[in-house]
Amino acid sequence: EQRTCFKTRHQVYCEEMGFEDTRPNKM
């Protein structure tokens, strides 16, 4: 469940919005 949250955050903040750098593990 924690990984689900981290992956969603990566999807939104890193991939969709570009607020943070993308991570190889997508979290």
mmCIF file of all heavy atoms, coordinates in Angstrom:
data_MODEL
# 
_entry.id   MODEL 
# 
loop_
_atom_site.group_PDB 
_atom_site.id 
_atom_site.type_symbol 
_atom_site.label_atom_id 
_atom_site.label_alt_id 
_atom_site.label_comp_id 
_atom_site.label_asym_id 
_atom_site.label_entity_id 
_atom_site.label_seq_id 
_atom_site.pdbx_PDB_ins_code 
_atom_site.Cartn_x 
_atom_site.Cartn_y 
_atom_site.Cartn_z 
_atom_site.occupancy 
_atom_site.B_iso_or_equiv 
_atom_site.pdbx_formal_charge 
_atom_site.auth_seq_id 
_atom_site.auth_comp_id 
_atom_site.auth_asym_id 
_atom_site.auth_atom_id 
_atom_site.pdbx_PDB_model_num 
ATOM 1   N N   . GLU A 1 1  ? 0.832  -1.204 0.000   1.00 0.00 ? 1  GLU A N   1 
ATOM 2   C CA  . GLU A 1 1  ? 0.000  0.000  0.000   1.00 0.00 ? 1  GLU A CA  1 
ATOM 3   C C   . GLU A 1 1  ? 0.869  1.257  0.000   1.00 0.00 ? 1  GLU A C   1 
ATOM 4   O O   . GLU A 1 1  ? 0.548  2.242  -0.682  1.00 0.00 ? 1  GLU A O   1 
ATOM 5   C CB  . GLU A 1 1  ? -0.909 -0.020 1.224   1.00 0.00 ? 1  GLU A CB  1 
ATOM 6   C CG  . GLU A 1 1  ? -1.934 -1.150 1.192   1.00 0.00 ? 1  GLU A CG  1 
ATOM 7   C CD  . GLU A 1 1  ? -2.651 -1.338 2.523   1.00 0.00 ? 1  GLU A CD  1 
ATOM 8   O OE1 . GLU A 1 1  ? -2.114 -0.908 3.563   1.00 0.00 ? 1  GLU A OE1 1 
ATOM 9   O OE2 . GLU A 1 1  ? -3.756 -1.920 2.520   1.00 0.00 ? 1  GLU A OE2 1 
ATOM 10  N N   . GLN A 1 2  ? 1.969  1.230  0.739   1.00 0.00 ? 2  GLN A N   1 
ATOM 11  C CA  . GLN A 1 2  ? 2.884  2.369  0.716   1.00 0.00 ? 2  GLN A CA  1 
ATOM 12  C C   . GLN A 1 2  ? 3.497  2.533  -0.671  1.00 0.00 ? 2  GLN A C   1 
ATOM 13  O O   . GLN A 1 2  ? 3.647  3.655  -1.170  1.00 0.00 ? 2  GLN A O   1 
ATOM 14  C CB  . GLN A 1 2  ? 3.976  2.174  1.770   1.00 0.00 ? 2  GLN A CB  1 
ATOM 15  C CG  . GLN A 1 2  ? 3.449  2.177  3.198   1.00 0.00 ? 2  GLN A CG  1 
ATOM 16  C CD  . GLN A 1 2  ? 4.538  1.925  4.219   1.00 0.00 ? 2  GLN A CD  1 
ATOM 17  O OE1 . GLN A 1 2  ? 5.593  2.549  4.182   1.00 0.00 ? 2  GLN A OE1 1 
ATOM 18  N NE2 . GLN A 1 2  ? 4.287  0.992  5.136   1.00 0.00 ? 2  GLN A NE2 1 
ATOM 19  N N   . ARG A 1 3  ? 3.841  1.408  -1.293  1.00 0.00 ? 3  ARG A N   1 
ATOM 20  C CA  . ARG A 1 3  ? 4.396  1.491  -2.645  1.00 0.00 ? 3  ARG A CA  1 
ATOM 21  C C   . ARG A 1 3  ? 3.365  2.064  -3.628  1.00 0.00 ? 3  ARG A C   1 
ATOM 22  O O   . ARG A 1 3  ? 3.719  2.793  -4.547  1.00 0.00 ? 3  ARG A O   1 
ATOM 23  C CB  . ARG A 1 3  ? 4.855  0.105  -3.116  1.00 0.00 ? 3  ARG A CB  1 
ATOM 24  C CG  . ARG A 1 3  ? 6.118  -0.397 -2.406  1.00 0.00 ? 3  ARG A CG  1 
ATOM 25  C CD  . ARG A 1 3  ? 6.483  -1.797 -2.870  1.00 0.00 ? 3  ARG A CD  1 
ATOM 26  N NE  . ARG A 1 3  ? 7.679  -2.293 -2.202  1.00 0.00 ? 3  ARG A NE  1 
ATOM 27  C CZ  . ARG A 1 3  ? 8.922  -2.119 -2.654  1.00 0.00 ? 3  ARG A CZ  1 
ATOM 28  N NH1 . ARG A 1 3  ? 9.117  -1.478 -3.803  1.00 0.00 ? 3  ARG A NH1 1 
ATOM 29  N NH2 . ARG A 1 3  ? 9.945  -2.599 -1.992  1.00 0.00 ? 3  ARG A NH2 1 
ATOM 30  N N   . THR A 1 4  ? 2.104  1.724  -3.432  1.00 0.00 ? 4  THR A N   1 
ATOM 31  C CA  . THR A 1 4  ? 1.043  2.289  -4.275  1.00 0.00 ? 4  THR A CA  1 
ATOM 32  C C   . THR A 1 4  ? 1.038  3.807  -4.186  1.00 0.00 ? 4  THR A C   1 
ATOM 33  O O   . THR A 1 4  ? 0.917  4.511  -5.197  1.00 0.00 ? 4  THR A O   1 
ATOM 34  C CB  . THR A 1 4  ? -0.326 1.720  -3.854  1.00 0.00 ? 4  THR A CB  1 
ATOM 35  O OG1 . THR A 1 4  ? -0.358 0.317  -4.099  1.00 0.00 ? 4  THR A OG1 1 
ATOM 36  C CG2 . THR A 1 4  ? -1.462 2.394  -4.638  1.00 0.00 ? 4  THR A CG2 1 
ATOM 37  N N   . CYS A 1 5  ? 1.169  4.337  -2.970  1.00 0.00 ? 5  CYS A N   1 
ATOM 38  C CA  . CYS A 1 5  ? 1.199  5.792  -2.781  1.00 0.00 ? 5  CYS A CA  1 
ATOM 39  C C   . CYS A 1 5  ? 2.421  6.400  -3.459  1.00 0.00 ? 5  CYS A C   1 
ATOM 40  O O   . CYS A 1 5  ? 2.321  7.418  -4.158  1.00 0.00 ? 5  CYS A O   1 
ATOM 41  C CB  . CYS A 1 5  ? 1.201  6.129  -1.294  1.00 0.00 ? 5  CYS A CB  1 
ATOM 42  S SG  . CYS A 1 5  ? -0.301 5.654  -0.415  1.00 0.00 ? 5  CYS A SG  1 
ATOM 43  N N   . PHE A 1 6  ? 3.594  5.794  -3.266  1.00 0.00 ? 6  PHE A N   1 
ATOM 44  C CA  . PHE A 1 6  ? 4.824  6.326  -3.850  1.00 0.00 ? 6  PHE A CA  1 
ATOM 45  C C   . PHE A 1 6  ? 4.777  6.304  -5.372  1.00 0.00 ? 6  PHE A C   1 
ATOM 46  O O   . PHE A 1 6  ? 5.258  7.225  -6.043  1.00 0.00 ? 6  PHE A O   1 
ATOM 47  C CB  . PHE A 1 6  ? 6.035  5.536  -3.358  1.00 0.00 ? 6  PHE A CB  1 
ATOM 48  C CG  . PHE A 1 6  ? 6.272  5.612  -1.869  1.00 0.00 ? 6  PHE A CG  1 
ATOM 49  C CD1 . PHE A 1 6  ? 6.984  4.627  -1.205  1.00 0.00 ? 6  PHE A CD1 1 
ATOM 50  C CD2 . PHE A 1 6  ? 5.775  6.673  -1.120  1.00 0.00 ? 6  PHE A CD2 1 
ATOM 51  C CE1 . PHE A 1 6  ? 7.208  4.695  0.162   1.00 0.00 ? 6  PHE A CE1 1 
ATOM 52  C CE2 . PHE A 1 6  ? 5.985  6.753  0.248   1.00 0.00 ? 6  PHE A CE2 1 
ATOM 53  C CZ  . PHE A 1 6  ? 6.702  5.756  0.890   1.00 0.00 ? 6  PHE A CZ  1 
ATOM 54  N N   . LYS A 1 7  ? 4.191  5.236  -5.942  1.00 0.00 ? 7  LYS A N   1 
ATOM 55  C CA  . LYS A 1 7  ? 4.086  5.146  -7.397  1.00 0.00 ? 7  LYS A CA  1 
ATOM 56  C C   . LYS A 1 7  ? 3.120  6.190  -7.947  1.00 0.00 ? 7  LYS A C   1 
ATOM 57  O O   . LYS A 1 7  ? 3.353  6.774  -9.011  1.00 0.00 ? 7  LYS A O   1 
ATOM 58  C CB  . LYS A 1 7  ? 3.633  3.738  -7.799  1.00 0.00 ? 7  LYS A CB  1 
ATOM 59  C CG  . LYS A 1 7  ? 4.702  2.670  -7.601  1.00 0.00 ? 7  LYS A CG  1 
ATOM 60  C CD  . LYS A 1 7  ? 4.186  1.287  -7.963  1.00 0.00 ? 7  LYS A CD  1 
ATOM 61  C CE  . LYS A 1 7  ? 5.264  0.222  -7.761  1.00 0.00 ? 7  LYS A CE  1 
ATOM 62  N NZ  . LYS A 1 7  ? 4.756  -1.141 -8.080  1.00 0.00 ? 7  LYS A NZ  1 
ATOM 63  N N   . THR A 1 8  ? 2.027  6.425  -7.229  1.00 0.00 ? 8  THR A N   1 
ATOM 64  C CA  . THR A 1 8  ? 1.076  7.451  -7.670  1.00 0.00 ? 8  THR A CA  1 
ATOM 65  C C   . THR A 1 8  ? 1.721  8.825  -7.609  1.00 0.00 ? 8  THR A C   1 
ATOM 66  O O   . THR A 1 8  ? 1.536  9.648  -8.517  1.00 0.00 ? 8  THR A O   1 
ATOM 67  C CB  . THR A 1 8  ? -0.189 7.412  -6.788  1.00 0.00 ? 8  THR A CB  1 
ATOM 68  O OG1 . THR A 1 8  ? -0.799 6.127  -6.889  1.00 0.00 ? 8  THR A OG1 1 
ATOM 69  C CG2 . THR A 1 8  ? -1.188 8.480  -7.235  1.00 0.00 ? 8  THR A CG2 1 
ATOM 70  N N   . ARG A 1 9  ? 2.452  9.091  -6.550  1.00 0.00 ? 9  ARG A N   1 
ATOM 71  C CA  . ARG A 1 9  ? 3.156  10.368 -6.443  1.00 0.00 ? 9  ARG A CA  1 
ATOM 72  C C   . ARG A 1 9  ? 4.147  10.540 -7.582  1.00 0.00 ? 9  ARG A C   1 
ATOM 73  O O   . ARG A 1 9  ? 4.283  11.636 -8.151  1.00 0.00 ? 9  ARG A O   1 
ATOM 74  C CB  . ARG A 1 9  ? 3.863  10.461 -5.082  1.00 0.00 ? 9  ARG A CB  1 
ATOM 75  C CG  . ARG A 1 9  ? 2.923  10.797 -3.942  1.00 0.00 ? 9  ARG A CG  1 
ATOM 76  C CD  . ARG A 1 9  ? 3.471  10.455 -2.582  1.00 0.00 ? 9  ARG A CD  1 
ATOM 77  N NE  . ARG A 1 9  ? 4.842  10.871 -2.352  1.00 0.00 ? 9  ARG A NE  1 
ATOM 78  C CZ  . ARG A 1 9  ? 5.488  10.706 -1.189  1.00 0.00 ? 9  ARG A CZ  1 
ATOM 79  N NH1 . ARG A 1 9  ? 4.861  10.128 -0.166  1.00 0.00 ? 9  ARG A NH1 1 
ATOM 80  N NH2 . ARG A 1 9  ? 6.727  11.118 -1.055  1.00 0.00 ? 9  ARG A NH2 1 
ATOM 81  N N   . HIS A 1 10 ? 4.853  9.473  -7.946  1.00 0.00 ? 10 HIS A N   1 
ATOM 82  C CA  . HIS A 1 10 ? 5.801  9.563  -9.054  1.00 0.00 ? 10 HIS A CA  1 
ATOM 83  C C   . HIS A 1 10 ? 5.063  9.861  -10.357 1.00 0.00 ? 10 HIS A C   1 
ATOM 84  O O   . HIS A 1 10 ? 5.492  10.700 -11.160 1.00 0.00 ? 10 HIS A O   1 
ATOM 85  C CB  . HIS A 1 10 ? 6.594  8.259  -9.183  1.00 0.00 ? 10 HIS A CB  1 
ATOM 86  C CG  . HIS A 1 10 ? 7.712  8.333  -10.176 1.00 0.00 ? 10 HIS A CG  1 
ATOM 87  N ND1 . HIS A 1 10 ? 7.512  8.154  -11.535 1.00 0.00 ? 10 HIS A ND1 1 
ATOM 88  C CD2 . HIS A 1 10 ? 9.039  8.592  -10.011 1.00 0.00 ? 10 HIS A CD2 1 
ATOM 89  C CE1 . HIS A 1 10 ? 8.665  8.283  -12.168 1.00 0.00 ? 10 HIS A CE1 1 
ATOM 90  N NE2 . HIS A 1 10 ? 9.610  8.547  -11.275 1.00 0.00 ? 10 HIS A NE2 1 
ATOM 91  N N   . GLN A 1 11 ? 3.948  9.172  -10.560 1.00 0.00 ? 11 GLN A N   1 
ATOM 92  C CA  . GLN A 1 11 ? 3.165  9.390  -11.778 1.00 0.00 ? 11 GLN A CA  1 
ATOM 93  C C   . GLN A 1 11 ? 2.752  10.843 -11.913 1.00 0.00 ? 11 GLN A C   1 
ATOM 94  O O   . GLN A 1 11 ? 2.867  11.440 -12.992 1.00 0.00 ? 11 GLN A O   1 
ATOM 95  C CB  . GLN A 1 11 ? 1.931  8.491  -11.762 1.00 0.00 ? 11 GLN A CB  1 
ATOM 96  C CG  . GLN A 1 11 ? 1.001  8.691  -12.956 1.00 0.00 ? 11 GLN A CG  1 
ATOM 97  C CD  . GLN A 1 11 ? -0.275 7.863  -12.825 1.00 0.00 ? 11 GLN A CD  1 
ATOM 98  O OE1 . GLN A 1 11 ? -0.345 6.916  -12.032 1.00 0.00 ? 11 GLN A OE1 1 
ATOM 99  N NE2 . GLN A 1 11 ? -1.292 8.222  -13.596 1.00 0.00 ? 11 GLN A NE2 1 
ATOM 100 N N   . VAL A 1 12 ? 2.269  11.442 -10.816 1.00 0.00 ? 12 VAL A N   1 
ATOM 101 C CA  . VAL A 1 12 ? 1.739  12.804 -10.869 1.00 0.00 ? 12 VAL A CA  1 
ATOM 102 C C   . VAL A 1 12 ? 2.855  13.846 -10.813 1.00 0.00 ? 12 VAL A C   1 
ATOM 103 O O   . VAL A 1 12 ? 2.956  14.718 -11.678 1.00 0.00 ? 12 VAL A O   1 
ATOM 104 C CB  . VAL A 1 12 ? 0.729  13.035 -9.729  1.00 0.00 ? 12 VAL A CB  1 
ATOM 105 C CG1 . VAL A 1 12 ? 0.278  14.491 -9.698  1.00 0.00 ? 12 VAL A CG1 1 
ATOM 106 C CG2 . VAL A 1 12 ? -0.472 12.114 -9.899  1.00 0.00 ? 12 VAL A CG2 1 
ATOM 107 N N   . TYR A 1 13 ? 3.710  13.762 -9.796  1.00 0.00 ? 13 TYR A N   1 
ATOM 108 C CA  . TYR A 1 13 ? 4.699  14.815 -9.559  1.00 0.00 ? 13 TYR A CA  1 
ATOM 109 C C   . TYR A 1 13 ? 5.889  14.741 -10.505 1.00 0.00 ? 13 TYR A C   1 
ATOM 110 O O   . TYR A 1 13 ? 6.464  15.788 -10.856 1.00 0.00 ? 13 TYR A O   1 
ATOM 111 C CB  . TYR A 1 13 ? 5.181  14.759 -8.105  1.00 0.00 ? 13 TYR A CB  1 
ATOM 112 C CG  . TYR A 1 13 ? 4.207  15.385 -7.135  1.00 0.00 ? 13 TYR A CG  1 
ATOM 113 C CD1 . TYR A 1 13 ? 3.157  14.650 -6.600  1.00 0.00 ? 13 TYR A CD1 1 
ATOM 114 C CD2 . TYR A 1 13 ? 4.309  16.725 -6.766  1.00 0.00 ? 13 TYR A CD2 1 
ATOM 115 C CE1 . TYR A 1 13 ? 2.243  15.219 -5.734  1.00 0.00 ? 13 TYR A CE1 1 
ATOM 116 C CE2 . TYR A 1 13 ? 3.407  17.300 -5.897  1.00 0.00 ? 13 TYR A CE2 1 
ATOM 117 C CZ  . TYR A 1 13 ? 2.373  16.547 -5.383  1.00 0.00 ? 13 TYR A CZ  1 
ATOM 118 O OH  . TYR A 1 13 ? 1.460  17.112 -4.527  1.00 0.00 ? 13 TYR A OH  1 
ATOM 119 N N   . CYS A 1 14 ? 6.279  13.533 -10.920 1.00 0.00 ? 14 CYS A N   1 
ATOM 120 C CA  . CYS A 1 14 ? 7.464  13.394 -11.763 1.00 0.00 ? 14 CYS A CA  1 
ATOM 121 C C   . CYS A 1 14 ? 7.130  13.278 -13.249 1.00 0.00 ? 14 CYS A C   1 
ATOM 122 O O   . CYS A 1 14 ? 7.765  13.932 -14.077 1.00 0.00 ? 14 CYS A O   1 
ATOM 123 C CB  . CYS A 1 14 ? 8.278  12.169 -11.322 1.00 0.00 ? 14 CYS A CB  1 
ATOM 124 S SG  . CYS A 1 14 ? 8.791  12.190 -9.597  1.00 0.00 ? 14 CYS A SG  1 
ATOM 125 N N   . GLU A 1 15 ? 6.118  12.460 -13.574 1.00 0.00 ? 15 GLU A N   1 
ATOM 126 C CA  . GLU A 1 15 ? 5.830  12.198 -14.977 1.00 0.00 ? 15 GLU A CA  1 
ATOM 127 C C   . GLU A 1 15 ? 4.838  13.195 -15.566 1.00 0.00 ? 15 GLU A C   1 
ATOM 128 O O   . GLU A 1 15 ? 5.062  13.719 -16.667 1.00 0.00 ? 15 GLU A O   1 
ATOM 129 C CB  . GLU A 1 15 ? 5.300  10.766 -15.131 1.00 0.00 ? 15 GLU A CB  1 
ATOM 130 C CG  . GLU A 1 15 ? 6.291  9.703  -14.688 1.00 0.00 ? 15 GLU A CG  1 
ATOM 131 C CD  . GLU A 1 15 ? 5.690  8.309  -14.703 1.00 0.00 ? 15 GLU A CD  1 
ATOM 132 O OE1 . GLU A 1 15 ? 4.691  8.098  -15.438 1.00 0.00 ? 15 GLU A OE1 1 
ATOM 133 O OE2 . GLU A 1 15 ? 6.192  7.437  -13.981 1.00 0.00 ? 15 GLU A OE2 1 
ATOM 134 N N   . GLU A 1 16 ? 3.736  13.461 -14.867 1.00 0.00 ? 16 GLU A N   1 
ATOM 135 C CA  . GLU A 1 16 ? 2.697  14.323 -15.427 1.00 0.00 ? 16 GLU A CA  1 
ATOM 136 C C   . GLU A 1 16 ? 3.009  15.809 -15.257 1.00 0.00 ? 16 GLU A C   1 
ATOM 137 O O   . GLU A 1 16 ? 2.792  16.599 -16.186 1.00 0.00 ? 16 GLU A O   1 
ATOM 138 C CB  . GLU A 1 16 ? 1.352  14.008 -14.778 1.00 0.00 ? 16 GLU A CB  1 
ATOM 139 C CG  . GLU A 1 16 ? 0.840  12.613 -15.087 1.00 0.00 ? 16 GLU A CG  1 
ATOM 140 C CD  . GLU A 1 16 ? -0.474 12.287 -14.389 1.00 0.00 ? 16 GLU A CD  1 
ATOM 141 O OE1 . GLU A 1 16 ? -1.029 13.188 -13.725 1.00 0.00 ? 16 GLU A OE1 1 
ATOM 142 O OE2 . GLU A 1 16 ? -0.938 11.140 -14.510 1.00 0.00 ? 16 GLU A OE2 1 
ATOM 143 N N   . MET A 1 17 ? 3.503  16.182 -14.079 1.00 0.00 ? 17 MET A N   1 
ATOM 144 C CA  . MET A 1 17 ? 3.693  17.601 -13.786 1.00 0.00 ? 17 MET A CA  1 
ATOM 145 C C   . MET A 1 17 ? 5.151  18.058 -13.880 1.00 0.00 ? 17 MET A C   1 
ATOM 146 O O   . MET A 1 17 ? 5.415  19.247 -13.995 1.00 0.00 ? 17 MET A O   1 
ATOM 147 C CB  . MET A 1 17 ? 3.159  17.923 -12.389 1.00 0.00 ? 17 MET A CB  1 
ATOM 148 C CG  . MET A 1 17 ? 1.719  17.478 -12.137 1.00 0.00 ? 17 MET A CG  1 
ATOM 149 S SD  . MET A 1 17 ? 0.527  18.143 -13.330 1.00 0.00 ? 17 MET A SD  1 
ATOM 150 C CE  . MET A 1 17 ? 0.632  19.893 -12.998 1.00 0.00 ? 17 MET A CE  1 
ATOM 151 N N   . GLY A 1 18 ? 6.095  17.134 -13.799 1.00 0.00 ? 18 GLY A N   1 
ATOM 152 C CA  . GLY A 1 18 ? 7.509  17.496 -13.892 1.00 0.00 ? 18 GLY A CA  1 
ATOM 153 C C   . GLY A 1 18 ? 8.027  18.286 -12.703 1.00 0.00 ? 18 GLY A C   1 
ATOM 154 O O   . GLY A 1 18 ? 9.017  19.016 -12.816 1.00 0.00 ? 18 GLY A O   1 
ATOM 155 N N   . PHE A 1 19 ? 7.383  18.151 -11.539 1.00 0.00 ? 19 PHE A N   1 
ATOM 156 C CA  . PHE A 1 19 ? 7.827  18.864 -10.338 1.00 0.00 ? 19 PHE A CA  1 
ATOM 157 C C   . PHE A 1 19 ? 9.107  18.273 -9.767  1.00 0.00 ? 19 PHE A C   1 
ATOM 158 O O   . PHE A 1 19 ? 9.898  18.968 -9.124  1.00 0.00 ? 19 PHE A O   1 
ATOM 159 C CB  . PHE A 1 19 ? 6.734  18.828 -9.260  1.00 0.00 ? 19 PHE A CB  1 
ATOM 160 C CG  . PHE A 1 19 ? 5.535  19.678 -9.564  1.00 0.00 ? 19 PHE A CG  1 
ATOM 161 C CD1 . PHE A 1 19 ? 4.303  19.403 -8.984  1.00 0.00 ? 19 PHE A CD1 1 
ATOM 162 C CD2 . PHE A 1 19 ? 5.623  20.759 -10.422 1.00 0.00 ? 19 PHE A CD2 1 
ATOM 163 C CE1 . PHE A 1 19 ? 3.198  20.185 -9.252  1.00 0.00 ? 19 PHE A CE1 1 
ATOM 164 C CE2 . PHE A 1 19 ? 4.517  21.550 -10.707 1.00 0.00 ? 19 PHE A CE2 1 
ATOM 165 C CZ  . PHE A 1 19 ? 3.300  21.258 -10.115 1.00 0.00 ? 19 PHE A CZ  1 
ATOM 166 N N   . GLU A 1 20 ? 9.286  16.967 -9.939  1.00 0.00 ? 20 GLU A N   1 
ATOM 167 C CA  . GLU A 1 20 ? 10.470 16.273 -9.435  1.00 0.00 ? 20 GLU A CA  1 
ATOM 168 C C   . GLU A 1 20 ? 11.073 15.462 -10.570 1.00 0.00 ? 20 GLU A C   1 
ATOM 169 O O   . GLU A 1 20 ? 10.406 15.142 -11.567 1.00 0.00 ? 20 GLU A O   1 
ATOM 170 C CB  . GLU A 1 20 ? 10.097 15.337 -8.269  1.00 0.00 ? 20 GLU A CB  1 
ATOM 171 C CG  . GLU A 1 20 ? 9.409  16.010 -7.092  1.00 0.00 ? 20 GLU A CG  1 
ATOM 172 C CD  . GLU A 1 20 ? 10.372 16.780 -6.209  1.00 0.00 ? 20 GLU A CD  1 
ATOM 173 O OE1 . GLU A 1 20 ? 11.600 16.647 -6.428  1.00 0.00 ? 20 GLU A OE1 1 
ATOM 174 O OE2 . GLU A 1 20 ? 9.908  17.516 -5.312  1.00 0.00 ? 20 GLU A OE2 1 
ATOM 175 N N   . ASP A 1 21 ? 12.365 15.113 -10.416 1.00 0.00 ? 21 ASP A N   1 
ATOM 176 C CA  . ASP A 1 21 ? 13.019 14.272 -11.407 1.00 0.00 ? 21 ASP A CA  1 
ATOM 177 C C   . ASP A 1 21 ? 12.432 12.861 -11.363 1.00 0.00 ? 21 ASP A C   1 
ATOM 178 O O   . ASP A 1 21 ? 12.053 12.357 -10.299 1.00 0.00 ? 21 ASP A O   1 
ATOM 179 C CB  . ASP A 1 21 ? 14.521 14.194 -11.133 1.00 0.00 ? 21 ASP A CB  1 
ATOM 180 C CG  . ASP A 1 21 ? 15.205 15.547 -11.326 1.00 0.00 ? 21 ASP A CG  1 
ATOM 181 O OD1 . ASP A 1 21 ? 14.688 16.362 -12.115 1.00 0.00 ? 21 ASP A OD1 1 
ATOM 182 O OD2 . ASP A 1 21 ? 16.257 15.766 -10.695 1.00 0.00 ? 21 ASP A OD2 1 
ATOM 183 N N   . THR A 1 22 ? 12.363 12.223 -12.512 1.00 0.00 ? 22 THR A N   1 
ATOM 184 C CA  . THR A 1 22 ? 11.878 10.849 -12.547 1.00 0.00 ? 22 THR A CA  1 
ATOM 185 C C   . THR A 1 22 ? 12.889 9.924  -11.878 1.00 0.00 ? 22 THR A C   1 
ATOM 186 O O   . THR A 1 22 ? 14.095 10.207 -11.854 1.00 0.00 ? 22 THR A O   1 
ATOM 187 C CB  . THR A 1 22 ? 11.642 10.381 -13.992 1.00 0.00 ? 22 THR A CB  1 
ATOM 188 O OG1 . THR A 1 22 ? 12.853 10.525 -14.743 1.00 0.00 ? 22 THR A OG1 1 
ATOM 189 C CG2 . THR A 1 22 ? 10.535 11.210 -14.644 1.00 0.00 ? 22 THR A CG2 1 
ATOM 190 N N   . ARG A 1 23 ? 12.395 8.834  -11.321 1.00 0.00 ? 23 ARG A N   1 
ATOM 191 C CA  . ARG A 1 23 ? 13.238 7.866  -10.620 1.00 0.00 ? 23 ARG A CA  1 
ATOM 192 C C   . ARG A 1 23 ? 13.197 6.546  -11.385 1.00 0.00 ? 23 ARG A C   1 
ATOM 193 O O   . ARG A 1 23 ? 12.141 6.147  -11.896 1.00 0.00 ? 23 ARG A O   1 
ATOM 194 C CB  . ARG A 1 23 ? 12.736 7.631  -9.194  1.00 0.00 ? 23 ARG A CB  1 
ATOM 195 C CG  . ARG A 1 23 ? 12.247 8.900  -8.471  1.00 0.00 ? 23 ARG A CG  1 
ATOM 196 C CD  . ARG A 1 23 ? 13.370 9.803  -8.033  1.00 0.00 ? 23 ARG A CD  1 
ATOM 197 N NE  . ARG A 1 23 ? 12.881 11.071 -7.512  1.00 0.00 ? 23 ARG A NE  1 
ATOM 198 C CZ  . ARG A 1 23 ? 12.448 11.272 -6.271  1.00 0.00 ? 23 ARG A CZ  1 
ATOM 199 N NH1 . ARG A 1 23 ? 12.394 10.266 -5.419  1.00 0.00 ? 23 ARG A NH1 1 
ATOM 200 N NH2 . ARG A 1 23 ? 12.073 12.483 -5.883  1.00 0.00 ? 23 ARG A NH2 1 
ATOM 201 N N   . PRO A 1 24 ? 14.315 5.828  -11.435 1.00 0.00 ? 24 PRO A N   1 
ATOM 202 C CA  . PRO A 1 24 ? 14.325 4.523  -12.138 1.00 0.00 ? 24 PRO A CA  1 
ATOM 203 C C   . PRO A 1 24 ? 13.309 3.539  -11.591 1.00 0.00 ? 24 PRO A C   1 
ATOM 204 O O   . PRO A 1 24 ? 12.743 2.742  -12.350 1.00 0.00 ? 24 PRO A O   1 
ATOM 205 C CB  . PRO A 1 24 ? 15.759 4.029  -11.914 1.00 0.00 ? 24 PRO A CB  1 
ATOM 206 C CG  . PRO A 1 24 ? 16.568 5.268  -11.698 1.00 0.00 ? 24 PRO A CG  1 
ATOM 207 C CD  . PRO A 1 24 ? 15.659 6.211  -10.959 1.00 0.00 ? 24 PRO A CD  1 
ATOM 208 N N   . ASN A 1 25 ? 13.047 3.594  -10.282 1.00 0.00 ? 25 ASN A N   1 
ATOM 209 C CA  . ASN A 1 25 ? 12.101 2.644  -9.682  1.00 0.00 ? 25 ASN A CA  1 
ATOM 210 C C   . ASN A 1 25 ? 10.655 3.120  -9.750  1.00 0.00 ? 25 ASN A C   1 
ATOM 211 O O   . ASN A 1 25 ? 9.745  2.444  -9.250  1.00 0.00 ? 25 ASN A O   1 
ATOM 212 C CB  . ASN A 1 25 ? 12.481 2.340  -8.240  1.00 0.00 ? 25 ASN A CB  1 
ATOM 213 C CG  . ASN A 1 25 ? 12.443 3.588  -7.349  1.00 0.00 ? 25 ASN A CG  1 
ATOM 214 O OD1 . ASN A 1 25 ? 12.106 4.683  -7.801  1.00 0.00 ? 25 ASN A OD1 1 
ATOM 215 N ND2 . ASN A 1 25 ? 12.807 3.413  -6.091  1.00 0.00 ? 25 ASN A ND2 1 
ATOM 216 N N   . LYS A 1 26 ? 10.416 4.294  -10.341 1.00 0.00 ? 26 LYS A N   1 
ATOM 217 C CA  . LYS A 1 26 ? 9.072  4.836  -10.526 1.00 0.00 ? 26 LYS A CA  1 
ATOM 218 C C   . LYS A 1 26 ? 8.344  5.068  -9.198  1.00 0.00 ? 26 LYS A C   1 
ATOM 219 O O   . LYS A 1 26 ? 7.115  4.978  -9.133  1.00 0.00 ? 26 LYS A O   1 
ATOM 220 C CB  . LYS A 1 26 ? 8.226  3.923  -11.426 1.00 0.00 ? 26 LYS A CB  1 
ATOM 221 C CG  . LYS A 1 26 ? 8.791  3.696  -12.811 1.00 0.00 ? 26 LYS A CG  1 
ATOM 222 C CD  . LYS A 1 26 ? 8.833  4.981  -13.616 1.00 0.00 ? 26 LYS A CD  1 
ATOM 223 C CE  . LYS A 1 26 ? 9.314  4.734  -15.039 1.00 0.00 ? 26 LYS A CE  1 
ATOM 224 N NZ  . LYS A 1 26 ? 9.360  5.986  -15.835 1.00 0.00 ? 26 LYS A NZ  1 
ATOM 225 N N   . MET A 1 27 ? 9.093  5.387  -8.160  1.00 0.00 ? 27 MET A N   1 
ATOM 226 C CA  . MET A 1 27 ? 8.494  5.697  -6.865  1.00 0.00 ? 27 MET A CA  1 
ATOM 227 C C   . MET A 1 27 ? 9.069  7.001  -6.348  1.00 0.00 ? 27 MET A C   1 
ATOM 228 O O   . MET A 1 27 ? 10.297 7.177  -6.330  1.00 0.00 ? 27 MET A O   1 
ATOM 229 C CB  . MET A 1 27 ? 8.725  4.561  -5.861  1.00 0.00 ? 27 MET A CB  1 
ATOM 230 C CG  . MET A 1 27 ? 7.870  3.343  -6.123  1.00 0.00 ? 27 MET A CG  1 
ATOM 231 S SD  . MET A 1 27 ? 7.941  2.116  -4.791  1.00 0.00 ? 27 MET A SD  1 
ATOM 232 C CE  . MET A 1 27 ? 9.541  1.395  -5.126  1.00 0.00 ? 27 MET A CE  1 
# 
